């Protein structure tokens, strides 16, 4: 069985939060969640517990695709340094830069 994506996890956490917010008991919410997402009861309880701990809906991110390309080492070093300074990932840095570029160029981003 494959692992859940971040998008799937967020959707399940939000569904669990919604069930609890409607006033359902934990056991009822777990049954409904397990049926809705074809999860084991144990996994549904884990999502319910996580939703209780977080106490709010979480943002659902767009799924990502791995892309491989070559860059000069100096640019890679600069990106790594900047990402570390901003406490973010290289992926996030590159995504933001490409979105900004596409917005400026009139692309669809």
C-alpha atoms as a PDB file:
ATOM      1  CA  UNK A   1       0.000   0.000   0.000  1.00  0.00           C
ATOM      2  CA  UNK A   2       1.372   3.421  -0.930  1.00  0.00           C
ATOM      3  CA  UNK A   3       1.829   6.275   1.523  1.00  0.00           C
ATOM      4  CA  UNK A   4      -0.625   9.158   1.596  1.00  0.00           C
ATOM      5  CA  UNK A   5       0.352  12.401  -0.075  1.00  0.00           C
ATOM      6  CA  UNK A   6       0.420  15.660   1.884  1.00  0.00           C
ATOM      7  CA  UNK A   7      -2.735  16.680   0.017  1.00  0.00           C
ATOM      8  CA  UNK A   8      -4.534  13.486   1.070  1.00  0.00           C
ATOM      9  CA  UNK A   9      -3.403  13.918   4.680  1.00  0.00           C
ATOM     10  CA  UNK A  10      -4.692  17.505   4.749  1.00  0.00           C
ATOM     11  CA  UNK A  11      -8.032  16.461   3.248  1.00  0.00           C
ATOM     12  CA  UNK A  12      -8.421  13.682   5.826  1.00  0.00           C
ATOM     13  CA  UNK A  13      -7.431  15.952   8.720  1.00  0.00           C
ATOM     14  CA  UNK A  14      -9.944  18.553   7.570  1.00  0.00           C
ATOM     15  CA  UNK A  15     -12.657  15.936   7.224  1.00  0.00           C
ATOM     16  CA  UNK A  16     -11.884  14.680  10.746  1.00  0.00           C
ATOM     17  CA  UNK A  17     -11.958  18.242  12.073  1.00  0.00           C
ATOM     18  CA  UNK A  18     -15.298  18.840  10.330  1.00  0.00           C
ATOM     19  CA  UNK A  19     -16.854  15.732  11.861  1.00  0.00           C
ATOM     20  CA  UNK A  20     -15.710  16.752  15.331  1.00  0.00           C
ATOM     21  CA  UNK A  21     -16.885  20.331  14.774  1.00  0.00           C
ATOM     22  CA  UNK A  22     -20.352  18.958  13.974  1.00  0.00           C
ATOM     23  CA  UNK A  23     -20.396  17.487  17.463  1.00  0.00           C
ATOM     24  CA  UNK A  24     -19.886  13.835  16.594  1.00  0.00           C
ATOM     25  CA  UNK A  25     -18.323  11.593  19.201  1.00  0.00           C
ATOM     26  CA  UNK A  26     -14.821  10.354  18.456  1.00  0.00           C
ATOM     27  CA  UNK A  27     -15.999   6.785  17.791  1.00  0.00           C
ATOM     28  CA  UNK A  28     -18.724   7.965  15.378  1.00  0.00           C
ATOM     29  CA  UNK A  29     -16.317  10.280  13.587  1.00  0.00           C
ATOM     30  CA  UNK A  30     -13.769   7.463  13.220  1.00  0.00           C
ATOM     31  CA  UNK A  31     -16.349   5.144  11.636  1.00  0.00           C
ATOM     32  CA  UNK A  32     -17.477   7.811   9.157  1.00  0.00           C
ATOM     33  CA  UNK A  33     -13.907   8.841   8.339  1.00  0.00           C
ATOM     34  CA  UNK A  34     -12.818   5.243   7.764  1.00  0.00           C
ATOM     35  CA  UNK A  35     -15.734   4.702   5.377  1.00  0.00           C
ATOM     36  CA  UNK A  36     -15.301   8.003   3.538  1.00  0.00           C
ATOM     37  CA  UNK A  37     -11.603   7.491   2.836  1.00  0.00           C
ATOM     38  CA  UNK A  38     -11.384   3.667   2.953  1.00  0.00           C
ATOM     39  CA  UNK A  39      -9.100   3.749   5.984  1.00  0.00           C
ATOM     40  CA  UNK A  40      -8.618   1.258   8.764  1.00  0.00           C
ATOM     41  CA  UNK A  41     -10.395   2.221  11.971  1.00  0.00           C
ATOM     42  CA  UNK A  42      -7.002   2.643  13.642  1.00  0.00           C
ATOM     43  CA  UNK A  43      -5.830   5.080  10.959  1.00  0.00           C
ATOM     44  CA  UNK A  44      -9.104   7.002  11.183  1.00  0.00           C
ATOM     45  CA  UNK A  45      -8.576   7.376  14.939  1.00  0.00           C
ATOM     46  CA  UNK A  46      -5.086   8.737  14.268  1.00  0.00           C
ATOM     47  CA  UNK A  47      -6.505  11.411  11.969  1.00  0.00           C
ATOM     48  CA  UNK A  48      -9.183  12.242  14.563  1.00  0.00           C
ATOM     49  CA  UNK A  49      -6.535  12.581  17.289  1.00  0.00           C
ATOM     50  CA  UNK A  50      -4.355  14.758  15.052  1.00  0.00           C
ATOM     51  CA  UNK A  51      -7.327  16.979  14.160  1.00  0.00           C
ATOM     52  CA  UNK A  52      -8.132  17.384  17.860  1.00  0.00           C
ATOM     53  CA  UNK A  53      -4.529  18.314  18.626  1.00  0.00           C
ATOM     54  CA  UNK A  54      -4.311  20.856  15.791  1.00  0.00           C
ATOM     55  CA  UNK A  55      -7.718  22.331  16.628  1.00  0.00           C
ATOM     56  CA  UNK A  56      -8.332  23.961  13.248  1.00  0.00           C
ATOM     57  CA  UNK A  57      -8.515  23.068   9.551  1.00  0.00           C
ATOM     58  CA  UNK A  58      -5.191  22.805   7.743  1.00  0.00           C
ATOM     59  CA  UNK A  59      -4.402  24.202   4.277  1.00  0.00           C
ATOM     60  CA  UNK A  60      -4.663  21.710   1.429  1.00  0.00           C
ATOM     61  CA  UNK A  61      -1.625  22.010  -0.806  1.00  0.00           C
ATOM     62  CA  UNK A  62      -1.461  21.248  -4.483  1.00  0.00           C
ATOM     63  CA  UNK A  63       0.276  17.936  -5.247  1.00  0.00           C
ATOM     64  CA  UNK A  64       3.836  18.279  -6.523  1.00  0.00           C
ATOM     65  CA  UNK A  65       5.825  16.573  -9.255  1.00  0.00           C
ATOM     66  CA  UNK A  66       9.565  15.973  -9.174  1.00  0.00           C
ATOM     67  CA  UNK A  67      11.504  17.803 -11.896  1.00  0.00           C
ATOM     68  CA  UNK A  68      15.194  17.378 -12.634  1.00  0.00           C
ATOM     69  CA  UNK A  69      17.294  20.060 -14.286  1.00  0.00           C
ATOM     70  CA  UNK A  70      20.885  21.295 -14.234  1.00  0.00           C
ATOM     71  CA  UNK A  71      22.030  24.575 -12.731  1.00  0.00           C
ATOM     72  CA  UNK A  72      25.472  26.081 -12.228  1.00  0.00           C
ATOM     73  CA  UNK A  73      26.948  25.070  -8.844  1.00  0.00           C
ATOM     74  CA  UNK A  74      27.195  28.708  -7.754  1.00  0.00           C
ATOM     75  CA  UNK A  75      23.447  29.165  -8.280  1.00  0.00           C
ATOM     76  CA  UNK A  76      22.666  25.962  -6.372  1.00  0.00           C
ATOM     77  CA  UNK A  77      24.858  27.155  -3.489  1.00  0.00           C
ATOM     78  CA  UNK A  78      23.092  30.520  -3.472  1.00  0.00           C
ATOM     79  CA  UNK A  79      19.660  28.868  -3.453  1.00  0.00           C
ATOM     80  CA  UNK A  80      20.652  26.531  -0.604  1.00  0.00           C
ATOM     81  CA  UNK A  81      22.049  29.426   1.431  1.00  0.00           C
ATOM     82  CA  UNK A  82      18.948  31.575   0.880  1.00  0.00           C
ATOM     83  CA  UNK A  83      16.580  28.698   1.664  1.00  0.00           C
ATOM     84  CA  UNK A  84      18.436  27.985   4.913  1.00  0.00           C
ATOM     85  CA  UNK A  85      18.379  31.679   5.860  1.00  0.00           C
ATOM     86  CA  UNK A  86      14.615  31.842   5.238  1.00  0.00           C
ATOM     87  CA  UNK A  87      14.068  28.487   6.977  1.00  0.00           C
ATOM     88  CA  UNK A  88      12.290  27.086   3.957  1.00  0.00           C
ATOM     89  CA  UNK A  89      12.939  24.365   1.406  1.00  0.00           C
ATOM     90  CA  UNK A  90      14.699  24.654  -1.925  1.00  0.00           C
ATOM     91  CA  UNK A  91      11.474  23.432  -3.525  1.00  0.00           C
ATOM     92  CA  UNK A  92       9.515  26.265  -1.948  1.00  0.00           C
ATOM     93  CA  UNK A  93      12.121  28.837  -3.024  1.00  0.00           C
ATOM     94  CA  UNK A  94      12.146  27.629  -6.623  1.00  0.00           C
ATOM     95  CA  UNK A  95       8.326  27.430  -6.737  1.00  0.00           C
ATOM     96  CA  UNK A  96       7.976  31.021  -5.509  1.00  0.00           C
ATOM     97  CA  UNK A  97      10.623  32.267  -7.945  1.00  0.00           C
ATOM     98  CA  UNK A  98       8.992  30.532 -10.907  1.00  0.00           C
ATOM     99  CA  UNK A  99       5.531  31.806  -9.947  1.00  0.00           C
ATOM    100  CA  UNK A 100       6.891  35.360  -9.687  1.00  0.00           C
ATOM    101  CA  UNK A 101       8.607  34.987 -13.062  1.00  0.00           C
ATOM    102  CA  UNK A 102       5.440  33.650 -14.697  1.00  0.00           C
ATOM    103  CA  UNK A 103       3.332  36.420 -13.158  1.00  0.00           C
ATOM    104  CA  UNK A 104       5.732  39.073 -14.496  1.00  0.00           C
ATOM    105  CA  UNK A 105       5.865  37.399 -17.909  1.00  0.00           C
ATOM    106  CA  UNK A 106       2.061  37.173 -18.079  1.00  0.00           C
ATOM    107  CA  UNK A 107       2.073  33.387 -17.850  1.00  0.00           C
ATOM    108  CA  UNK A 108      -0.625  31.194 -16.357  1.00  0.00           C
ATOM    109  CA  UNK A 109       1.336  29.982 -13.270  1.00  0.00           C
END
